[in-house]
N, C-alpha and C. Protein backbone atom coordinates (compact mmCIF):
# COMPACT_ATOMS: atom_id res chain seq x y z
N UNK A 1 17.45 5.17 3.05
CA UNK A 1 18.58 4.79 3.37
C UNK A 1 20.00 4.89 2.53
N UNK A 2 20.50 5.74 3.41
CA UNK A 2 21.87 6.18 2.21
C UNK A 2 23.26 5.23 2.45
N UNK A 3 24.29 5.40 1.54
CA UNK A 3 25.30 4.96 1.74
C UNK A 3 25.87 4.17 2.85
N UNK A 4 26.40 5.55 3.98
CA UNK A 4 26.79 5.50 5.38
C UNK A 4 26.06 4.16 6.09
N UNK A 5 24.69 4.18 6.12
CA UNK A 5 23.90 3.57 6.46
C UNK A 5 24.03 2.06 6.06
N UNK A 6 24.02 1.81 4.44
CA UNK A 6 24.50 0.50 4.15
C UNK A 6 25.85 -0.02 4.51
N UNK A 7 26.81 0.79 4.30
CA UNK A 7 27.96 0.35 4.67
C UNK A 7 28.03 -0.20 6.31
N UNK A 8 27.67 0.49 7.16
CA UNK A 8 27.23 0.27 8.74
C UNK A 8 26.90 -1.00 8.52
N UNK A 9 25.49 -1.51 8.30
CA UNK A 9 24.72 -2.36 8.01
C UNK A 9 25.47 -3.69 7.63
N UNK A 10 26.26 -3.51 6.49
CA UNK A 10 27.12 -4.62 5.70
C UNK A 10 28.01 -4.78 6.82
N UNK A 11 28.81 -3.70 7.89
CA UNK A 11 30.06 -4.34 8.69
C UNK A 11 29.29 -5.06 9.46
N UNK A 12 28.10 -4.31 10.32
CA UNK A 12 27.54 -5.14 11.45
C UNK A 12 27.10 -6.66 11.08
N UNK A 13 26.69 -6.86 10.04
CA UNK A 13 25.92 -8.18 9.61
C UNK A 13 27.17 -8.97 9.11
N UNK A 14 28.13 -8.70 8.90
CA UNK A 14 29.12 -9.70 8.07
C UNK A 14 28.77 -10.09 6.65
N UNK A 15 28.01 -9.32 5.98
CA UNK A 15 27.48 -9.67 4.86
C UNK A 15 28.10 -8.94 4.07
N UNK A 16 28.34 -9.66 2.57
CA UNK A 16 29.09 -9.12 1.38
C UNK A 16 28.39 -8.18 0.45
N UNK A 17 29.33 -7.06 -0.02
CA UNK A 17 28.51 -6.29 -1.10
C UNK A 17 28.04 -7.14 -2.27
N UNK A 18 28.94 -8.24 -2.86
CA UNK A 18 28.08 -8.84 -3.58
C UNK A 18 26.97 -9.57 -3.32
N UNK A 19 26.60 -10.06 -2.42
CA UNK A 19 25.60 -10.52 -2.18
C UNK A 19 24.25 -9.66 -2.06
N UNK A 20 24.89 -8.25 -1.74
CA UNK A 20 23.86 -6.86 -1.69
C UNK A 20 23.45 -7.05 -3.23
N UNK A 21 24.22 -6.95 -4.07
CA UNK A 21 24.51 -6.47 -5.49
C UNK A 21 23.27 -7.56 -5.74
N UNK A 22 23.70 -9.15 -5.45
CA UNK A 22 22.61 -9.93 -6.24
C UNK A 22 21.25 -9.98 -5.55
N UNK A 23 21.05 -9.07 -4.61
CA UNK A 23 19.89 -9.14 -4.10
C UNK A 23 19.22 -7.91 -4.69
N UNK A 24 19.84 -6.82 -5.11
CA UNK A 24 19.08 -5.75 -5.66
C UNK A 24 19.01 -6.10 -7.28
N UNK A 25 19.68 -7.05 -8.14
CA UNK A 25 19.91 -7.30 -9.21
C UNK A 25 20.60 -6.39 -10.39
N UNK A 26 21.69 -6.06 -9.54
CA UNK A 26 22.89 -4.88 -10.14
C UNK A 26 23.92 -5.51 -10.28
N UNK A 27 25.38 -4.89 -10.86
CA UNK A 27 26.42 -5.39 -10.73
C UNK A 27 27.09 -4.65 -9.75
N UNK A 28 27.92 -5.45 -9.17
CA UNK A 28 28.73 -5.09 -7.77
C UNK A 28 29.40 -3.52 -7.80
N UNK A 29 29.64 -3.14 -9.03
CA UNK A 29 29.92 -2.11 -9.09
C UNK A 29 28.99 -0.62 -8.81
N UNK A 30 27.70 -1.23 -9.04
CA UNK A 30 26.95 0.03 -8.66
C UNK A 30 26.72 0.18 -7.01
N UNK A 31 27.09 -1.36 -6.19
CA UNK A 31 26.70 -1.29 -4.65
C UNK A 31 28.11 -0.25 -4.29
N UNK A 32 29.19 -0.46 -5.15
CA UNK A 32 30.45 0.07 -4.70
C UNK A 32 30.25 1.89 -4.76
N UNK A 33 29.53 2.20 -5.71
CA UNK A 33 29.14 3.55 -6.20
C UNK A 33 28.28 4.27 -4.92
N UNK A 34 27.19 3.05 -4.46
CA UNK A 34 26.50 3.18 -3.45
C UNK A 34 26.99 4.03 -2.15
N UNK A 35 27.83 2.72 -1.81
CA UNK A 35 28.35 3.28 -0.81
C UNK A 35 29.66 4.37 -0.28
N UNK A 36 30.01 4.83 -1.87
CA UNK A 36 30.95 6.26 -1.87
C UNK A 36 30.03 7.24 -1.86
N UNK A 37 28.78 7.28 -2.36
CA UNK A 37 27.85 8.18 -2.49
C UNK A 37 27.76 8.72 -3.40
N UNK A 38 28.23 7.76 -4.62
CA UNK A 38 28.36 8.31 -6.33
C UNK A 38 26.77 7.91 -6.56
N UNK A 39 26.18 6.92 -6.00
CA UNK A 39 24.45 6.40 -6.64
C UNK A 39 23.78 6.57 -5.68
N UNK A 40 22.84 7.07 -5.90
CA UNK A 40 21.50 7.02 -4.99
C UNK A 40 20.82 5.43 -5.02
N UNK A 41 20.05 5.19 -4.07
CA UNK A 41 19.50 4.01 -3.93
C UNK A 41 18.01 4.23 -4.69
N UNK A 42 17.77 3.82 -5.21
CA UNK A 42 16.10 3.85 -6.09
C UNK A 42 15.21 3.60 -5.24
N UNK A 43 14.17 4.13 -5.35
CA UNK A 43 12.83 3.90 -4.32
C UNK A 43 12.32 2.38 -4.26
N UNK A 44 12.40 2.00 -5.62
CA UNK A 44 11.95 0.75 -5.77
C UNK A 44 13.05 -0.42 -4.93
N UNK A 45 14.27 -0.27 -4.79
CA UNK A 45 15.47 -0.86 -4.04
C UNK A 45 15.29 -0.82 -2.70
N UNK A 46 14.74 -0.25 -2.03
CA UNK A 46 14.28 0.44 -0.58
C UNK A 46 14.15 -0.64 -0.04
N UNK A 47 12.90 -1.23 -0.41
CA UNK A 47 12.56 -2.52 0.36
C UNK A 47 13.44 -4.01 -0.14
N UNK A 48 14.23 -3.85 -0.88
CA UNK A 48 14.94 -5.07 -1.04
C UNK A 48 15.91 -4.78 -0.20
N UNK A 49 16.61 -3.58 0.40
CA UNK A 49 17.24 -3.70 0.98
C UNK A 49 17.15 -3.92 2.54
N UNK A 50 16.08 -3.26 2.64
CA UNK A 50 15.58 -3.60 4.26
C UNK A 50 15.03 -5.11 4.14
N UNK A 51 14.73 -6.22 3.28
CA UNK A 51 14.74 -7.36 3.67
C UNK A 51 16.04 -8.30 3.66
N UNK A 52 16.99 -7.75 2.68
CA UNK A 52 18.59 -7.93 2.70
C UNK A 52 18.97 -8.28 4.40
N UNK A 53 18.74 -7.05 4.86
CA UNK A 53 19.38 -7.07 6.39
C UNK A 53 18.36 -7.42 7.32
N UNK A 54 17.34 -8.07 6.95
CA UNK A 54 16.44 -8.60 8.03
C UNK A 54 15.57 -7.32 9.08
N UNK A 55 15.46 -6.21 8.34
CA UNK A 55 14.62 -5.12 8.74
C UNK A 55 13.37 -5.10 8.61
N UNK A 56 13.00 -5.74 7.72
CA UNK A 56 11.40 -5.86 7.36
C UNK A 56 11.03 -7.47 6.49
N UNK A 57 9.93 -7.72 6.70
CA UNK A 57 9.51 -9.27 6.07
C UNK A 57 8.77 -8.88 5.25
N UNK A 58 9.43 -8.92 3.76
CA UNK A 58 8.23 -8.84 2.48
C UNK A 58 7.43 -9.91 2.38
N UNK A 59 6.26 -9.50 1.77
CA UNK A 59 5.47 -10.93 1.50
C UNK A 59 6.38 -11.55 0.26
N UNK A 60 5.88 -13.06 0.50
CA UNK A 60 6.73 -13.70 -0.20
C UNK A 60 5.97 -13.49 -1.86
N UNK A 61 7.27 -14.09 -2.67
CA UNK A 61 6.56 -13.67 -4.28
C UNK A 61 5.89 -14.66 -4.54
N UNK A 62 4.75 -15.04 -3.95
CA UNK A 62 3.92 -16.33 -4.27
C UNK A 62 2.24 -16.09 -4.04
N UNK A 63 1.28 -16.91 -4.27
CA UNK A 63 -0.05 -16.35 -4.12
C UNK A 63 -0.27 -16.67 -2.57
N UNK A 64 -0.98 -15.95 -2.12
CA UNK A 64 -1.47 -15.97 -0.57
C UNK A 64 -2.26 -17.38 -0.28
N UNK A 65 -1.79 -18.12 0.71
CA UNK A 65 -2.08 -19.38 0.88
C UNK A 65 -3.53 -19.01 1.91
N UNK A 66 -4.67 -19.85 1.86
CA UNK A 66 -5.29 -20.35 3.01
C UNK A 66 -4.97 -19.88 4.41
N UNK A 67 -5.36 -19.34 5.10
CA UNK A 67 -5.03 -18.75 6.62
C UNK A 67 -3.86 -17.86 6.60
N UNK A 68 -3.25 -17.28 5.29
CA UNK A 68 -2.35 -16.47 5.89
C UNK A 68 -2.93 -15.06 6.25
N UNK A 69 -4.47 -14.81 6.59
CA UNK A 69 -5.19 -13.50 6.54
C UNK A 69 -5.42 -12.85 5.19
N UNK A 70 -5.06 -13.46 4.09
CA UNK A 70 -5.54 -12.69 2.95
C UNK A 70 -7.50 -12.64 2.58
N UNK A 71 -7.70 -13.28 3.25
CA UNK A 71 -9.24 -13.57 3.22
C UNK A 71 -9.63 -12.27 4.38
N UNK A 72 -9.37 -11.94 5.26
CA UNK A 72 -9.58 -11.21 6.10
C UNK A 72 -8.56 -10.11 6.41
N UNK A 73 -8.87 -8.96 5.75
CA UNK A 73 -7.53 -7.64 5.72
C UNK A 73 -6.93 -7.39 6.87
N UNK A 74 -8.43 -7.44 8.21
CA UNK A 74 -7.82 -7.05 9.43
C UNK A 74 -6.85 -8.02 10.00
N UNK A 75 -6.67 -9.24 9.39
CA UNK A 75 -5.83 -10.09 10.13
C UNK A 75 -4.40 -10.43 9.11
N UNK A 76 -4.47 -9.57 8.18
CA UNK A 76 -3.31 -9.76 7.12
C UNK A 76 -2.04 -8.91 7.90
N UNK A 77 -0.97 -9.35 7.83
CA UNK A 77 0.56 -8.86 8.09
C UNK A 77 0.84 -7.38 7.73
N UNK A 78 1.19 -6.49 8.94
CA UNK A 78 1.54 -5.19 7.79
C UNK A 78 3.25 -5.15 7.64
N UNK A 79 3.30 -5.61 6.08
CA UNK A 79 4.62 -5.64 5.81
C UNK A 79 4.63 -4.86 4.69
N UNK A 80 3.67 -3.85 4.46
CA UNK A 80 3.67 -3.04 3.13
C UNK A 80 4.31 -1.73 3.47
N UNK A 81 5.82 -1.58 2.93
CA UNK A 81 6.18 0.10 3.48
C UNK A 81 5.74 1.25 3.36
N UNK A 82 5.51 1.98 4.02
CA UNK A 82 4.97 3.32 3.61
C UNK A 82 5.91 4.07 3.49
N UNK A 83 6.27 5.45 2.59
CA UNK A 83 7.42 6.36 3.04
C UNK A 83 7.04 7.87 3.03
N UNK A 84 7.58 8.48 3.76
CA UNK A 84 7.10 9.78 3.84
C UNK A 84 7.32 10.63 2.64
N UNK A 85 6.42 11.89 2.45
CA UNK A 85 6.71 12.91 1.54
C UNK A 85 6.48 13.97 2.09
N UNK A 86 7.23 14.87 1.47
CA UNK A 86 7.20 16.60 1.84
C UNK A 86 7.10 17.17 0.63
N UNK A 87 6.52 18.44 0.79
CA UNK A 87 6.89 19.48 -0.84
C UNK A 87 7.78 19.89 -0.88
N UNK A 88 8.11 19.65 -2.35
CA UNK A 88 9.37 19.88 -3.02
C UNK A 88 9.37 20.90 -4.39
N UNK A 89 8.45 21.34 -4.31
CA UNK A 89 8.29 22.08 -5.32
C UNK A 89 6.73 22.48 -5.66
N UNK A 90 6.60 23.40 -6.70
CA UNK A 90 5.13 23.77 -7.01
C UNK A 90 4.30 22.37 -7.56
N UNK A 91 4.86 21.53 -8.31
CA UNK A 91 4.37 20.28 -8.69
C UNK A 91 4.88 19.00 -8.07
N UNK A 92 5.96 18.91 -7.42
CA UNK A 92 6.63 17.82 -7.13
C UNK A 92 6.82 17.47 -5.45
N UNK A 93 7.34 16.25 -5.28
CA UNK A 93 7.44 16.27 -3.78
C UNK A 93 8.70 15.34 -3.58
N UNK A 94 9.06 15.29 -2.32
CA UNK A 94 10.59 14.78 -1.81
C UNK A 94 9.63 13.41 -0.94
N UNK A 95 10.26 12.20 -1.19
CA UNK A 95 10.02 11.26 -0.78
C UNK A 95 11.27 10.57 -0.40
N UNK A 96 11.00 9.96 0.97
CA UNK A 96 12.40 9.61 1.72
C UNK A 96 12.75 8.36 1.49
N UNK A 97 14.02 7.90 2.08
CA UNK A 97 14.34 6.57 1.55
C UNK A 97 13.57 5.69 2.89
N UNK A 98 13.85 6.07 4.11
CA UNK A 98 13.07 5.25 4.96
C UNK A 98 11.82 5.07 5.21
N UNK A 99 11.24 3.58 5.66
CA UNK A 99 10.04 3.45 5.91
C UNK A 99 9.70 4.10 7.29
N UNK A 100 7.92 4.97 7.14
CA UNK A 100 8.05 5.40 8.86
C UNK A 100 7.03 4.84 9.20
N UNK A 101 6.39 3.74 8.38
CA UNK A 101 5.38 2.83 9.24
C UNK A 101 4.89 1.69 8.12
N UNK A 102 4.57 0.60 8.38
CA UNK A 102 4.08 -0.56 7.33
C UNK A 102 2.86 -0.70 7.76
N UNK A 103 2.05 -0.85 6.60
CA UNK A 103 0.53 -1.19 6.38
C UNK A 103 0.02 -2.51 6.05
N UNK A 104 -1.02 -3.09 6.13
CA UNK A 104 -1.69 -4.40 5.79
C UNK A 104 -1.07 -4.22 4.26
N UNK A 105 -0.77 -5.29 3.73
CA UNK A 105 -0.73 -5.50 2.47
C UNK A 105 -2.06 -5.67 1.62
N UNK A 106 -2.58 -5.07 0.90
CA UNK A 106 -3.77 -4.82 -0.08
C UNK A 106 -3.93 -6.06 -1.13
N UNK A 107 -5.05 -6.56 -1.52
CA UNK A 107 -5.09 -7.84 -2.36
C UNK A 107 -4.26 -7.35 -3.53
N UNK A 108 -4.22 -6.35 -4.19
CA UNK A 108 -3.49 -6.03 -5.25
C UNK A 108 -2.37 -5.89 -5.63
N UNK A 109 -1.71 -6.12 -4.19
CA UNK A 109 -0.61 -5.97 -4.18
C UNK A 109 0.09 -7.64 -3.62
N UNK A 110 -0.55 -8.53 -3.39
CA UNK A 110 -0.36 -9.84 -2.85
C UNK A 110 0.82 -10.35 -3.69
N UNK A 111 1.89 -10.81 -3.20
CA UNK A 111 2.90 -11.56 -4.22
C UNK A 111 3.72 -10.46 -5.00
N UNK A 112 4.10 -8.93 -4.77
CA UNK A 112 4.72 -8.19 -5.41
C UNK A 112 5.69 -7.95 -4.54
N UNK A 113 6.64 -8.36 -4.58
CA UNK A 113 7.89 -8.24 -3.77
C UNK A 113 8.01 -6.96 -3.19
N UNK A 114 8.10 -5.88 -4.30
CA UNK A 114 8.74 -4.44 -4.40
C UNK A 114 7.85 -3.42 -3.97
N UNK A 115 6.84 -3.89 -4.08
CA UNK A 115 5.30 -3.00 -3.74
C UNK A 115 5.75 -2.08 -2.59
N UNK A 116 5.25 -0.85 -2.69
CA UNK A 116 5.68 0.00 -1.52
C UNK A 116 4.00 1.30 -1.57
N UNK A 117 4.16 1.88 -0.62
CA UNK A 117 3.15 2.90 -0.45
C UNK A 117 4.16 4.50 -0.07
N UNK A 118 3.11 5.23 -0.25
CA UNK A 118 3.71 6.79 0.18
C UNK A 118 2.58 7.67 0.33
N UNK A 119 3.13 8.61 0.94
CA UNK A 119 2.05 9.76 1.26
C UNK A 119 1.97 10.99 0.17
N UNK A 120 1.16 11.24 -0.41
CA UNK A 120 1.09 12.45 -1.41
C UNK A 120 1.01 13.36 -0.64
N UNK A 121 1.59 14.61 -1.29
CA UNK A 121 1.25 15.94 -1.08
C UNK A 121 1.48 16.87 -2.01
N UNK A 122 0.43 17.87 -1.48
CA UNK A 122 0.31 18.77 -2.90
C UNK A 122 -1.18 18.58 -3.58
N UNK A 123 -1.34 19.89 -4.69
CA UNK A 123 -2.75 19.38 -4.93
C UNK A 123 -2.82 19.11 -6.52
N UNK A 124 -1.90 19.13 -7.39
CA UNK A 124 -1.81 19.24 -8.69
C UNK A 124 -2.55 17.98 -9.09
N UNK A 125 -2.77 16.74 -8.20
CA UNK A 125 -3.88 16.02 -8.98
C UNK A 125 -5.21 15.59 -8.36
N UNK A 126 -5.51 17.15 -7.63
CA UNK A 126 -6.81 17.22 -6.83
C UNK A 126 -7.74 17.06 -8.01
N UNK A 127 -9.01 16.98 -7.80
CA UNK A 127 -9.75 16.00 -6.75
C UNK A 127 -9.28 14.47 -7.10
N UNK A 128 -8.22 14.01 -7.79
CA UNK A 128 -8.20 12.89 -8.59
C UNK A 128 -7.26 12.38 -7.20
N UNK A 129 -6.42 12.93 -6.48
CA UNK A 129 -5.84 12.02 -5.12
C UNK A 129 -5.71 13.53 -4.43
N UNK A 130 -6.07 13.49 -3.28
CA UNK A 130 -5.89 14.53 -2.18
C UNK A 130 -4.77 14.50 -1.31
N UNK A 131 -4.58 15.69 -1.15
CA UNK A 131 -3.20 15.94 0.15
C UNK A 131 -3.49 15.16 1.15
N UNK A 132 -2.15 14.33 1.30
CA UNK A 132 -2.03 13.10 2.70
C UNK A 132 -2.86 11.98 2.10
N UNK A 133 -3.21 11.54 1.13
CA UNK A 133 -3.76 10.31 0.37
C UNK A 133 -2.39 9.27 0.50
N UNK A 134 -2.57 8.15 1.01
CA UNK A 134 -1.49 7.25 0.93
C UNK A 134 -1.82 6.41 -0.44
N UNK A 135 -0.97 6.58 -1.33
CA UNK A 135 -1.17 5.60 -3.00
C UNK A 135 -0.08 4.50 -2.97
N UNK A 136 -0.68 3.30 -3.39
CA UNK A 136 0.14 2.34 -3.52
C UNK A 136 0.55 1.94 -4.71
N UNK A 137 1.63 1.44 -5.15
CA UNK A 137 2.59 1.52 -6.17
C UNK A 137 3.01 0.02 -6.53
N UNK A 138 2.88 -0.35 -7.70
CA UNK A 138 3.18 -1.71 -8.27
C UNK A 138 4.36 -1.53 -9.33
N UNK A 139 5.59 -1.70 -9.00
CA UNK A 139 6.85 -1.19 -9.61
C UNK A 139 6.97 -1.95 -10.83
N UNK A 140 6.48 -3.28 -10.57
CA UNK A 140 6.89 -4.30 -12.10
C UNK A 140 5.70 -4.08 -13.28
N UNK A 141 4.68 -3.31 -13.12
CA UNK A 141 3.65 -3.46 -14.12
C UNK A 141 3.83 -2.33 -14.65
N UNK A 142 4.35 -2.14 -16.37
CA UNK A 142 4.31 -1.01 -16.80
C UNK A 142 3.16 -0.23 -17.18
N UNK A 143 2.99 1.33 -17.09
CA UNK A 143 1.94 1.87 -17.11
C UNK A 143 1.12 1.74 -18.47
N UNK A 144 -0.37 1.98 -18.90
CA UNK A 144 -0.80 2.49 -19.88
C UNK A 144 -1.49 3.69 -19.77
N UNK A 145 -1.49 4.14 -21.06
CA UNK A 145 -2.25 5.41 -21.03
C UNK A 145 -3.39 5.70 -20.10
N UNK A 146 -3.39 6.78 -19.79
CA UNK A 146 -4.61 7.13 -18.78
C UNK A 146 -4.54 6.90 -17.46
N UNK A 147 -3.47 6.05 -16.89
CA UNK A 147 -3.20 5.37 -15.87
C UNK A 147 -2.14 6.06 -14.75
N UNK A 148 -2.23 6.34 -13.37
CA UNK A 148 -1.67 7.30 -12.56
C UNK A 148 -0.18 6.85 -12.48
N UNK A 149 0.89 7.45 -12.63
CA UNK A 149 1.91 7.05 -12.19
C UNK A 149 2.81 7.59 -11.10
N UNK A 150 4.20 7.34 -10.86
CA UNK A 150 4.80 7.93 -9.86
C UNK A 150 5.84 8.27 -10.54
N UNK A 151 6.61 9.49 -10.87
CA UNK A 151 7.72 9.97 -11.38
C UNK A 151 8.65 10.28 -10.76
N UNK A 152 9.69 9.35 -10.16
CA UNK A 152 11.13 9.36 -9.93
C UNK A 152 12.04 10.07 -10.65
N UNK A 153 12.22 11.37 -10.42
CA UNK A 153 13.59 12.51 -10.73
C UNK A 153 14.78 12.36 -10.69
N UNK A 154 15.53 12.37 -11.38
CA UNK A 154 17.10 12.42 -11.23
C UNK A 154 17.13 13.61 -10.51
N UNK A 155 18.77 13.71 -9.70
CA UNK A 155 18.66 15.05 -8.97
C UNK A 155 18.20 15.14 -7.64
N UNK A 156 17.53 13.81 -7.01
CA UNK A 156 17.43 14.44 -5.75
C UNK A 156 18.74 14.48 -4.67
N UNK A 157 18.42 14.73 -3.42
CA UNK A 157 19.64 14.58 -2.71
C UNK A 157 20.24 13.17 -1.96
N UNK A 158 20.73 13.14 -1.18
CA UNK A 158 21.51 11.95 -0.99
C UNK A 158 20.38 11.09 -0.13
N UNK A 159 19.73 11.49 0.93
CA UNK A 159 18.32 11.01 1.72
C UNK A 159 17.35 11.11 1.02
N UNK A 160 16.60 11.71 -0.44
CA UNK A 160 15.48 11.61 -0.58
C UNK A 160 15.11 11.79 -2.34
N UNK A 161 14.44 11.70 -2.66
CA UNK A 161 14.25 11.54 -4.18
C UNK A 161 13.05 12.74 -4.40
N UNK A 162 13.16 13.34 -5.74
CA UNK A 162 12.22 14.24 -5.92
C UNK A 162 11.51 13.53 -7.27
N UNK A 163 10.07 13.86 -6.62
CA UNK A 163 8.95 13.09 -7.16
C UNK A 163 7.85 13.77 -7.74
N UNK A 164 6.92 13.24 -8.65
CA UNK A 164 5.93 13.52 -8.93
C UNK A 164 4.61 12.62 -9.55
N UNK A 165 3.74 12.77 -8.99
CA UNK A 165 2.39 11.95 -9.25
C UNK A 165 1.36 12.72 -10.55
N UNK A 166 1.31 12.01 -11.69
CA UNK A 166 0.56 12.74 -12.69
C UNK A 166 0.17 11.24 -13.68
N UNK A 167 -0.88 11.47 -14.33
CA UNK A 167 -1.25 10.42 -15.30
C UNK A 167 -0.42 10.45 -16.45
N UNK A 168 -0.30 9.26 -16.51
CA UNK A 168 0.59 8.88 -18.00
C UNK A 168 -0.30 8.64 -19.49
N UNK A 169 0.55 9.49 -20.49
CA UNK A 169 -0.11 9.66 -21.55
C UNK A 169 0.67 8.98 -22.39
N UNK A 170 1.88 8.94 -22.50
CA UNK A 170 2.74 8.08 -23.63
C UNK A 170 3.98 8.42 -23.51
N UNK A 171 4.93 7.99 -24.40
CA UNK A 171 6.10 8.10 -24.63
C UNK A 171 6.61 8.04 -25.93
N UNK A 172 7.99 8.87 -26.23
CA UNK A 172 8.69 9.11 -27.53
C UNK A 172 9.91 8.46 -26.99
N UNK A 173 10.66 8.31 -27.91
CA UNK A 173 12.12 7.96 -28.00
C UNK A 173 13.07 8.75 -26.68
N UNK A 174 12.34 9.93 -26.68
CA UNK A 174 13.52 10.71 -25.70
C UNK A 174 12.66 11.53 -24.34
N UNK A 175 11.32 11.26 -24.80
CA UNK A 175 10.41 12.00 -23.52
C UNK A 175 9.19 11.17 -23.03
N UNK A 176 8.67 11.26 -21.70
CA UNK A 176 7.49 10.88 -21.45
C UNK A 176 6.53 11.96 -21.48
N UNK A 177 5.30 12.02 -21.69
CA UNK A 177 4.36 12.83 -21.84
C UNK A 177 3.05 12.64 -20.45
N UNK A 178 2.94 13.55 -19.65
CA UNK A 178 2.01 13.34 -18.82
C UNK A 178 1.11 14.43 -18.48
N UNK A 179 -0.13 14.20 -17.62
CA UNK A 179 -0.95 15.43 -17.60
C UNK A 179 -1.18 15.49 -15.83
N UNK A 180 -1.63 16.51 -15.48
CA UNK A 180 -2.15 16.53 -14.17
C UNK A 180 -3.57 17.41 -14.33
N UNK A 181 -4.39 17.58 -13.18
CA UNK A 181 -5.44 18.06 -12.99
C UNK A 181 -5.48 19.37 -12.61
N UNK A 182 -4.65 20.12 -11.73
CA UNK A 182 -4.85 21.18 -10.92
C UNK A 182 -3.42 21.95 -10.96
N UNK A 183 -3.23 23.08 -11.87
CA UNK A 183 -4.09 23.42 -13.20
C UNK A 183 -4.35 22.33 -14.07
N UNK A 184 -5.17 22.24 -15.27
CA UNK A 184 -5.04 21.16 -16.23
C UNK A 184 -3.86 21.26 -17.09
N UNK A 185 -3.10 20.35 -17.59
CA UNK A 185 -2.19 20.83 -18.20
C UNK A 185 -1.14 19.27 -18.41
N UNK A 186 -0.94 19.50 -19.78
CA UNK A 186 -0.17 18.34 -20.37
C UNK A 186 1.38 18.89 -20.63
N UNK A 187 2.54 18.04 -20.32
CA UNK A 187 3.76 18.14 -20.56
C UNK A 187 4.77 16.90 -20.83
N UNK A 188 5.77 17.33 -21.03
CA UNK A 188 6.80 16.36 -21.46
C UNK A 188 7.94 16.29 -20.47
N UNK A 189 8.54 15.10 -19.88
CA UNK A 189 9.64 14.79 -19.29
C UNK A 189 10.84 14.26 -19.94
N UNK A 190 11.92 14.70 -20.19
CA UNK A 190 13.16 13.98 -20.96
C UNK A 190 13.16 12.94 -20.00
N UNK A 191 13.35 11.74 -20.78
CA UNK A 191 13.50 10.70 -19.95
C UNK A 191 15.26 10.45 -19.19
N UNK A 192 15.80 11.71 -19.95
CA UNK A 192 16.99 11.44 -19.17
C UNK A 192 17.08 12.13 -17.70
N UNK A 193 15.89 13.09 -17.48
CA UNK A 193 15.72 13.29 -16.26
C UNK A 193 14.88 12.44 -15.28
N UNK A 194 14.34 11.13 -15.58
CA UNK A 194 13.60 10.10 -15.07
C UNK A 194 14.56 9.16 -14.47
N UNK A 195 14.24 8.62 -13.23
CA UNK A 195 15.02 7.57 -12.70
C UNK A 195 13.94 6.48 -12.29
N UNK A 196 12.56 6.76 -12.63
CA UNK A 196 11.64 5.41 -12.57
C UNK A 196 10.49 6.17 -12.83
N UNK A 197 9.47 5.09 -13.19
CA UNK A 197 8.50 5.70 -13.65
C UNK A 197 7.35 4.18 -13.13
N UNK A 198 6.79 4.42 -12.19
CA UNK A 198 5.82 3.22 -11.43
C UNK A 198 4.37 3.94 -11.35
N UNK A 199 3.77 2.19 -11.78
CA UNK A 199 2.70 2.35 -11.78
C UNK A 199 1.87 2.66 -10.24
N UNK A 200 0.87 3.63 -10.26
CA UNK A 200 -0.14 3.86 -8.77
C UNK A 200 -1.18 2.74 -9.08
N UNK A 201 -1.36 2.01 -8.09
CA UNK A 201 -2.68 0.71 -8.38
C UNK A 201 -3.82 1.09 -7.30
N UNK A 202 -3.58 2.07 -6.55
CA UNK A 202 -4.48 2.27 -5.45
C UNK A 202 -4.47 3.60 -4.43
N UNK A 203 -5.38 3.85 -4.05
CA UNK A 203 -5.02 4.70 -2.56
C UNK A 203 -5.95 4.02 -1.54
N UNK A 204 -5.31 4.60 -0.07
CA UNK A 204 -5.82 4.63 1.08
C UNK A 204 -5.86 5.61 1.92
N UNK A 205 -6.60 6.02 3.01
CA UNK A 205 -6.90 6.94 3.88
C UNK A 205 -6.13 6.46 5.06
N UNK A 206 -6.98 5.25 5.23
CA UNK A 206 -6.71 4.77 6.44
C UNK A 206 -6.55 2.96 6.42
N UNK A 207 -5.89 2.45 7.29
CA UNK A 207 -5.47 1.06 7.73
C UNK A 207 -4.27 0.46 7.78
C-alpha cells in the first residue's frame, strides 16, 4: 500500500494521521513522510494499516478461546495476510505491499497481531525452501543463529520491497551475517542496508 492510497483512505474514512501514527507506533512525522512518498511502509506495518482501515480482521493479541476454531484448523478464520513475490535478482525477491489472499492462521502464529505469510521465489534456499512455497513470518521474535529469516532491504520502489530469504548466522555492530544453500555461501549485509530482519517460523504449500 503506497502513500497516495493511504491518503485516499484517510480522506474517505475521516480518520486522522495521528490516529494512524498511534496504530503503527511511529512518530506522526513518519506518516507525513509516508503520504509525501518520502518513506516506505514497512512490510510488518502493512497488516496494521489494513486493520486500521477495517480492510482485514486481524487475530486478537490474546490466546485463542475454546470454540473459535483453534482446535480444528479447517474451522479457523482466514485472517493471516499473504503477500506475493516476484524474482528481483540473483538471490533476492520483490515482495508486494498488498495482500493477495488470506490464509488460516496456524497455531504458532495465534495471538501474533502483525504476522504474515509470503510466497518465496528463486532457488537460493533450495532444498530448504522451494520455489512457490508459502513461508510464515513472526515479526516480533528475534532470530537465533541457525534460524531462517526474511531480510527486507532498503532501496525498494514505492510499491514493493527488495527482500531475501536466508539463514541467520549472527551480527556485528555494523553487519548481519547470513548463509544460503544454493550455491552454498556465507556473506555479510551492512545493517545500514537492512530495513527489517524477520523470523521465519514455518512453511505451507496448501491451506
